[in-house]
Each structure stands twice: as C-alpha cells, then as structure tokens.
Protein backbone atom coordinates (compact mmCIF):
# COMPACT_ATOMS: atom_id res chain seq x y z
CA MET A 1 306.42 126.80 225.07
CA ASN A 2 309.64 126.74 223.00
CA THR A 3 312.09 124.95 225.32
CA THR A 4 314.83 125.12 222.69
CA ARG A 5 314.66 128.89 222.82
CA LEU A 6 314.67 128.81 226.63
CA GLY A 7 317.75 126.59 226.53
CA ARG A 8 319.51 129.10 224.32
CA VAL A 9 318.49 131.97 226.63
CA ALA A 10 319.82 130.09 229.66
CA ARG A 11 323.09 129.23 227.93
CA GLU A 12 323.70 132.81 226.75
CA ALA A 13 322.86 134.20 230.19
CA LEU A 14 325.30 131.80 231.86
CA LEU A 15 328.08 132.95 229.56
CA LEU A 16 327.24 136.59 230.31
CA ILE A 17 327.48 135.92 234.05
CA ARG A 18 331.03 134.66 233.58
CA LYS A 19 331.92 137.57 231.29
CA PHE A 20 330.62 140.30 233.60
CA MET A 21 332.05 138.67 236.73
CA GLY A 22 335.44 138.67 235.02
CA GLN A 23 335.04 142.41 234.44
CA GLY A 24 333.98 143.04 238.03
CA ASP A 25 330.59 144.24 236.77
CA PHE A 26 328.33 142.79 239.48
CA TYR A 27 325.30 144.80 238.31
CA ASN A 28 325.14 143.21 234.85
CA ALA A 29 326.30 139.85 236.19
CA SER A 30 323.33 139.79 238.58
CA GLU A 31 320.94 140.71 235.77
CA ALA A 32 322.29 137.84 233.67
CA SER A 33 322.00 135.51 236.67
CA LEU A 34 318.36 136.41 237.24
CA LYS A 35 317.65 135.92 233.53
CA ALA A 36 319.26 132.46 233.66
CA ALA A 37 317.25 131.59 236.80
CA GLU A 38 313.99 132.55 235.12
CA ALA A 39 314.89 130.54 232.01
CA PHE A 40 315.68 127.44 234.09
CA LYS A 41 312.42 127.80 235.99
CA GLU A 42 310.49 127.92 232.71
CA ILE A 43 312.43 124.88 231.42
CA ALA A 44 311.46 123.02 234.61
CA LYS A 45 307.79 123.85 234.09
CA HIS A 46 307.87 122.16 230.71
CA SER A 47 310.14 119.21 231.57
CA THR A 48 309.66 115.94 233.39
CA GLY A 49 311.71 113.54 235.49
CA SER A 50 315.27 114.40 236.48
CA ALA A 51 315.51 117.26 233.94
CA HIS A 52 312.55 118.93 235.69
CA LYS A 53 314.07 118.55 239.16
CA ILE A 54 317.56 119.61 238.17
CA ALA A 55 316.31 122.69 236.31
CA TYR A 56 314.44 123.78 239.44
CA LYS A 57 317.53 123.17 241.54
CA ARG A 58 319.62 125.29 239.19
CA ALA A 59 317.07 128.07 239.20
CA LYS A 60 317.18 128.08 243.00
CA ILE A 61 321.00 128.26 243.06
CA LEU A 62 320.99 131.07 240.48
CA VAL A 63 318.58 133.05 242.66
CA GLU A 64 321.13 132.76 245.49
CA ILE A 65 323.90 133.84 243.10
CA THR A 66 321.77 136.83 242.04
CA LYS A 67 321.30 137.93 245.66
CA VAL A 68 325.06 137.87 246.32
CA LEU A 69 325.88 139.75 243.12
CA ARG A 70 323.19 142.35 243.85
CA ARG A 71 325.07 143.18 247.04
CA GLY A 72 328.22 143.77 245.00
CA GLU A 73 330.00 140.81 246.60
CA SER A 74 332.17 138.08 245.11
CA LEU A 75 330.63 134.61 245.03
CA PRO A 76 331.64 132.14 247.76
CA ILE A 77 333.46 129.06 246.48
CA ASP A 78 330.42 126.77 246.70
CA LEU A 79 328.41 129.03 244.40
CA VAL A 80 331.37 129.41 242.04
CA GLU A 81 331.65 125.63 241.77
CA ALA A 82 327.89 125.28 241.27
CA LEU A 83 327.95 127.92 238.53
CA ASP A 84 330.89 126.24 236.78
CA SER A 85 329.01 122.94 236.73
CA PHE A 86 326.09 124.53 234.86
CA TYR A 87 327.97 125.19 231.62
CA PRO A 88 327.50 122.80 228.70
CA ILE A 89 330.65 120.72 228.10
CA SER A 90 331.70 122.74 225.04
CA THR A 91 331.50 126.04 226.92
CA ARG A 92 332.90 125.15 230.35
CA PRO A 93 335.16 127.91 231.76
CA SER A 94 338.14 125.51 231.81
CA THR A 95 337.82 125.07 228.04
CA LEU A 96 337.42 128.76 227.42
CA ASP A 97 340.40 129.61 229.61
CA SER A 98 342.66 127.19 227.75
CA GLY A 99 342.66 129.43 224.67
CA GLU A 100 341.30 126.67 222.43
CA SER A 101 338.75 127.77 219.89
CA GLN A 102 335.44 126.04 220.39
CA PRO A 103 332.38 126.51 218.20
CA SER A 104 329.29 127.86 219.89
CA PRO A 105 326.74 125.07 220.19
CA THR A 106 323.61 125.41 218.11
CA SER A 107 320.21 124.62 219.51
CA GLU A 108 320.39 121.24 217.81
CA GLU A 109 323.86 120.48 219.26
CA ALA A 110 322.93 121.53 222.80
CA PRO A 111 319.23 121.08 223.52
CA PRO A 112 317.84 122.36 226.84
CA GLU A 113 318.33 118.94 228.45
CA SER A 114 322.12 119.30 228.04
CA LEU A 115 322.02 122.25 230.41
CA VAL A 116 320.64 120.05 233.17
CA SER A 117 322.24 116.70 232.39
CA ASN A 118 325.53 116.81 234.32
CA THR A 119 324.12 116.50 237.83
CA ASN A 120 323.50 113.09 239.42
CA ASP A 121 319.89 112.30 240.19
CA GLU A 122 320.96 111.34 243.71
CA GLU A 123 321.98 114.97 244.35
CA VAL A 124 318.57 116.34 243.48
CA GLN A 125 316.31 117.08 246.44
CA GLU A 126 312.55 117.44 246.40
CA GLU A 127 311.34 120.45 244.45
CA GLU A 128 311.29 123.63 246.54
CA HIS A 129 309.53 126.94 246.04
CA ILE A 130 311.78 129.29 244.08
CA GLU A 131 311.33 132.98 244.71
CA LEU A 132 312.16 135.05 241.64
CA THR A 133 310.91 138.54 240.85
CA GLN A 134 307.86 139.31 242.96
CA HIS A 135 305.58 142.33 243.29
CA GLN A 136 303.05 142.86 246.05
CA LEU A 137 300.39 145.55 246.41
CA LEU A 138 299.67 146.38 250.06
CA ASN A 139 297.18 148.43 252.03
CA GLY A 140 295.80 148.45 255.56
CA ILE A 141 297.80 146.91 258.36
CA ALA A 142 299.64 144.75 255.81
CA ILE A 143 301.92 147.76 255.22
CA ALA A 144 303.10 147.74 258.84
CA CYS A 145 303.58 143.97 258.81
CA LYS A 146 305.62 144.19 255.60
CA VAL A 147 307.87 146.89 257.07
CA VAL A 148 308.54 144.66 260.10
CA GLU A 149 309.20 141.63 257.89
CA MET A 150 311.67 143.53 255.71
CA LEU A 151 313.52 145.14 258.63
CA ASP A 152 313.92 141.75 260.33
CA ARG A 153 315.33 140.30 257.10
CA ALA A 154 317.97 143.03 256.64
CA SER A 155 321.53 141.73 256.88
CA GLN A 156 323.57 144.35 255.02
CA SER A 157 321.83 147.71 254.78
CA ILE A 158 318.65 149.62 255.53
CA ARG A 159 317.91 152.79 253.57
CA ILE A 160 314.82 154.81 254.47
CA MET A 161 313.46 157.87 252.67
CA VAL A 162 310.44 159.24 254.49
CA GLN A 163 308.84 162.57 255.26
CA ASN A 164 308.01 161.78 258.86
CA LEU A 165 308.69 158.96 261.35
CA THR A 166 307.81 158.35 264.98
CA ASP A 167 308.49 155.70 267.60
CA VAL A 168 305.70 153.41 266.41
CA LYS A 169 305.10 150.61 268.90
CA THR A 170 302.00 148.60 267.98
CA ILE A 171 299.56 149.05 265.10
CA THR A 172 296.01 147.84 265.68
CA VAL A 173 293.33 147.97 263.01
CA GLY A 174 290.05 146.30 263.93
CA THR A 175 290.89 142.84 265.23
CA GLU A 176 294.36 142.80 263.63
CA SER A 177 297.52 143.86 265.41
CA CYS A 178 301.19 144.21 264.46
CA GLU A 179 304.15 144.77 266.79
CA VAL A 180 306.33 147.34 265.02
CA ASN A 181 308.72 148.81 267.65
CA LEU A 182 310.25 150.83 264.84
CA ILE A 183 313.00 152.69 266.68
CA ASP A 184 314.10 149.67 268.71
CA ARG A 185 314.25 147.54 265.55
CA LEU A 186 316.41 150.07 263.73
CA VAL A 187 318.74 150.46 266.71
CA SER A 188 319.04 146.69 267.11
CA LYS A 189 319.89 146.24 263.44
CA SER A 190 322.56 148.93 263.60
CA GLN A 191 324.09 147.22 266.64
CA ASP A 192 324.21 143.99 264.63
CA GLY A 193 326.38 145.74 262.03
CA VAL A 194 323.69 146.60 259.50
CA MET A 195 324.19 149.99 257.84
CA VAL A 196 321.18 152.19 258.67
CA ARG A 197 320.74 155.45 256.75
CA ILE A 198 317.62 157.59 256.92
CA ILE A 199 316.63 160.70 254.94
CA ILE A 200 313.82 162.74 256.54
CA ARG A 201 312.18 166.17 256.45
CA GLU A 202 313.01 168.62 259.23
CA PRO A 203 310.69 167.91 262.21
CA GLU A 204 309.93 171.58 262.83
CA ALA A 205 308.19 171.72 259.43
CA PHE A 206 305.28 169.79 260.97
CA GLY A 207 304.33 172.41 263.56
CA ALA A 208 302.30 171.10 266.48
CA THR A 209 302.80 167.47 265.42
CA SER A 210 306.58 167.71 265.30
CA LYS A 211 307.26 166.71 268.93
CA HIS A 212 307.01 162.92 268.49
CA PHE A 213 308.98 163.12 265.23
CA GLN A 214 311.80 165.06 266.93
CA GLU A 215 311.86 162.66 269.89
CA ALA A 216 312.05 159.59 267.66
CA VAL A 217 315.03 160.91 265.69
CA GLU A 218 316.83 162.01 268.84
CA LYS A 219 316.31 158.51 270.29
CA LEU A 220 317.82 156.94 267.17
CA LEU A 221 320.90 159.13 267.42
CA GLN A 222 321.22 158.61 271.16
CA ASP A 223 320.74 154.84 271.24
CA SER A 224 322.98 154.04 268.27
CA SER A 225 326.30 155.63 267.36
CA THR A 226 326.21 154.25 263.82
CA ILE A 227 322.74 155.19 262.56
CA GLU A 228 323.06 158.05 260.07
CA ILE A 229 320.46 160.75 259.46
CA LEU A 230 320.19 163.30 256.66
CA VAL A 231 317.62 166.07 257.04
CA CYS A 232 316.34 167.25 253.66
CA ALA A 233 313.85 170.11 253.34
CA GLN A 234 312.50 168.63 250.09
CA MET A 235 312.01 165.01 251.11
CA HIS A 236 308.56 163.69 250.28
CA ILE A 237 309.43 160.15 249.08
CA LYS A 238 308.35 157.23 251.28
CA ALA A 239 310.50 154.17 250.67
CA LEU A 240 312.28 151.38 252.53
CA ILE A 241 315.20 149.65 250.78
CA ILE A 242 316.63 146.46 252.27
CA ASP A 243 320.09 145.10 251.35
CA GLY A 244 319.82 146.79 247.97
CA THR A 245 317.62 143.88 246.85
CA GLU A 246 314.04 144.82 247.74
CA VAL A 247 312.03 147.99 248.16
CA LEU A 248 308.73 149.05 249.70
CA GLU A 249 307.43 152.36 248.38
CA GLY A 250 304.13 154.16 248.54
CA SER A 251 302.19 156.88 250.33
CA ALA A 252 302.66 155.91 253.99
CA ASN A 253 304.91 157.80 256.38
CA PHE A 254 306.52 155.73 259.15
CA THR A 255 304.07 156.93 261.76
CA ALA A 256 301.23 155.18 263.57
CA LYS A 257 298.70 156.69 261.18
CA GLY A 258 300.77 155.93 258.09
CA LEU A 259 301.61 152.34 258.99
CA SER A 260 298.00 151.61 259.91
CA GLY A 261 297.50 151.73 256.15
CA ILE A 262 294.16 153.49 256.41
CA GLY A 263 293.90 155.53 253.23
CA GLU A 264 297.42 154.44 252.27
CA GLN A 265 298.90 152.12 249.67
CA ALA A 266 302.34 150.61 249.10
CA THR A 267 304.09 148.31 246.68
CA SER A 268 306.93 145.94 247.50
CA THR A 269 309.18 144.34 244.90
CA ASN A 270 312.53 142.65 244.47
CA ASN A 271 312.72 143.51 240.77
CA PHE A 272 316.42 144.23 240.37
CA GLU A 273 316.17 147.12 237.91
CA PHE A 274 313.44 148.85 239.93
CA VAL A 275 315.26 148.42 243.25
CA SER A 276 318.54 149.64 241.74
CA GLN A 277 316.84 152.85 240.63
CA PHE A 278 315.68 153.46 244.20
CA VAL A 279 319.16 152.76 245.57
CA ASP A 280 320.63 155.23 243.07
CA ARG A 281 317.99 157.81 243.98
CA PHE A 282 318.75 157.46 247.68
CA ASP A 283 322.52 157.56 247.21
CA GLN A 284 322.30 160.66 245.02
CA TYR A 285 320.43 162.45 247.79
CA TRP A 286 322.93 161.18 250.34
CA VAL A 287 325.88 162.83 248.59
CA HIS A 288 323.90 165.91 247.48
CA GLN A 289 324.00 164.99 243.80
CA SER A 290 320.33 164.50 242.96
CA SER A 291 318.81 166.93 240.48
CA GLU A 292 316.91 168.50 243.39
CA CYS A 293 320.11 168.93 245.40
CA THR A 294 322.01 170.69 242.63
CA THR A 295 319.33 173.38 242.34
CA CYS A 296 318.42 173.59 246.05
CA LYS A 297 319.17 176.89 247.80
CA ASN A 298 317.95 175.61 251.18
CA ARG A 299 320.99 173.92 252.73
CA THR A 300 319.09 172.38 255.65
CA CYS A 301 320.88 169.10 255.01
CA GLU A 302 324.25 170.67 255.83
CA VAL A 303 323.36 172.62 258.97
CA HIS A 304 320.44 170.87 260.68
CA PRO A 305 321.40 169.58 264.17
CA LEU A 306 319.78 166.20 263.51
CA THR A 307 321.92 165.49 260.44
CA ARG A 308 324.61 162.91 261.20
CA ARG A 309 326.66 161.30 258.47
CA ILE A 310 329.64 159.15 259.35
CA GLN A 311 332.53 159.57 256.93
C-alpha cells in the first residue's frame, strides 16, 4: 500500500473541505470529508504506534464531520477546531488566511506521518470501530428489523416512498419476531420534531385490500398534525431515507407481508452519492418536478383527500 499517496489524498481532501465550506457547498464538502476519512483509515491500517492510533481517531472525527455536512448544517465549534488541527503546518487555515504565499508541500516534504503528528499521545483513546461507507443486503425478517433500527435512529428527517403501508405491529417468521409498531413509531418521531414525509399510492387502487391501507394513513394524519402525505398514482418505489444519510430500498412494501421479507429483498447503504440521488428523487416528486410528474395527466396528488403537505 502506497502510504505516501494516501497522505497526499488526505491532505488534498482536507483542503477541499475548507474550500467548499467557505463556499457554503455542504454537498461537496461532505464528499471531501468522507474521502479524507477513508484515506486516514487506510493510513492507520498500514501504520504503527501513535501514528496508527491518531489516524484512526482522525478518521472517526471526519466521519462525524461528514454526517453533519450531509445534513446541510454548519460544523459545531469542537469539530471546527478538530478539523483545523488536522492541517499540516504549512497549510493551516491561519496561514492561508494571512495572505502569505506558501508552497504546497510535496510528498517528500510532508509524508503521511506529518498529517497525524500534531496530536499528543495522551489524547489518543483506544482504537474504536469506525463506520464508513457500508452496504447491506437484506431479506427475510431482517428487512423489518432494519426498518425499525433506522426509524429509531432518525433525528432530522424520515422520507418514505412506498406503494402500500399498513399499521404493522409485530412480524413473526418461524421462531424470529420483530416489534415494528410502524404507525406509532412514525407518529412518535414526528412529535419529537422529526420531519416525516410519505409518498404513497392511492389506497382505493388496491381494491378489496385497501381498507387497512386507508385506515393506517388516516391514523397517521389524525394522530400527528405534522406528518405529511403525498398521494401519487404512479408511485411504485419502495424506499426509506433517514436524515438524508442512509437509505433502505428494495421490493418490500411497508405491510405485514412485505416486511416479513418472504420473497422480498432490500439493500441498505450510507453511501453519500447513492443516498443523495434518492433524496433528490423524493424531493422532485414532492414538488411535482420529477420527469414522471411533468408528463402526468392524472393529478391525484393535488386532489386526493389523504394528501397533506404543510407549507
């Protein structure tokens, strides 16, 4: 493994974070932050002693920075100070802001160790697991359990695109069981201040099976004044997006049958580019600007009694 190259990647990514943050471009700043985190993690894998520990610590902090930037938020002061401390001496923000011209360090002038050398060993804790980009393939009852896990983790926003949902209580498959309580969970999250937006098909499209679907949506609207619903006659996507940072997508509707995972499959990921595409897709539907919306002659979304969008 070429650690000199990794050091250069980390250094360039750190400078890009500062550049994009200065422009208010949180999207590209978060991408640069994740790239720096991955570079530091790789440096740690091929380092020893304090350099190994500090590189892992920096990767962990950069993951936290990435999460904040993904939400489109400014960094709190502790993360700003941590980020400032990561820069090699010749490229610290204070030097750059002074207007003095400084040469960019070459790989020989600033080896990877220089990126992890200005933290005291006493400040380094034991190595912790660092969660970077992860993908998970799910089937069976694991789909229901993942939905519950993601909903419980939501702190900013919940976006759901699904063809059909019902008031799923408990999923049992063989000897395994999962408490879902879908409607109660969504209502509780909305009452905690989490934005909850759901795009669904019109219940009446499901004929004899529409009753439980209709009742579940009515309960959401009745029990929470802030949950928003958009009824779309074309909706066939099944996806759950949490805080704009992770997505679960696949074949399962949010019904007892779907979440049992029997004959279903889903993928969860926190890959930033992939999740961002899902957020964009959802938001385009939400404001009637998706390619399907612009050509749609069925305006169910505008007139259906279950549609509720809060301006």
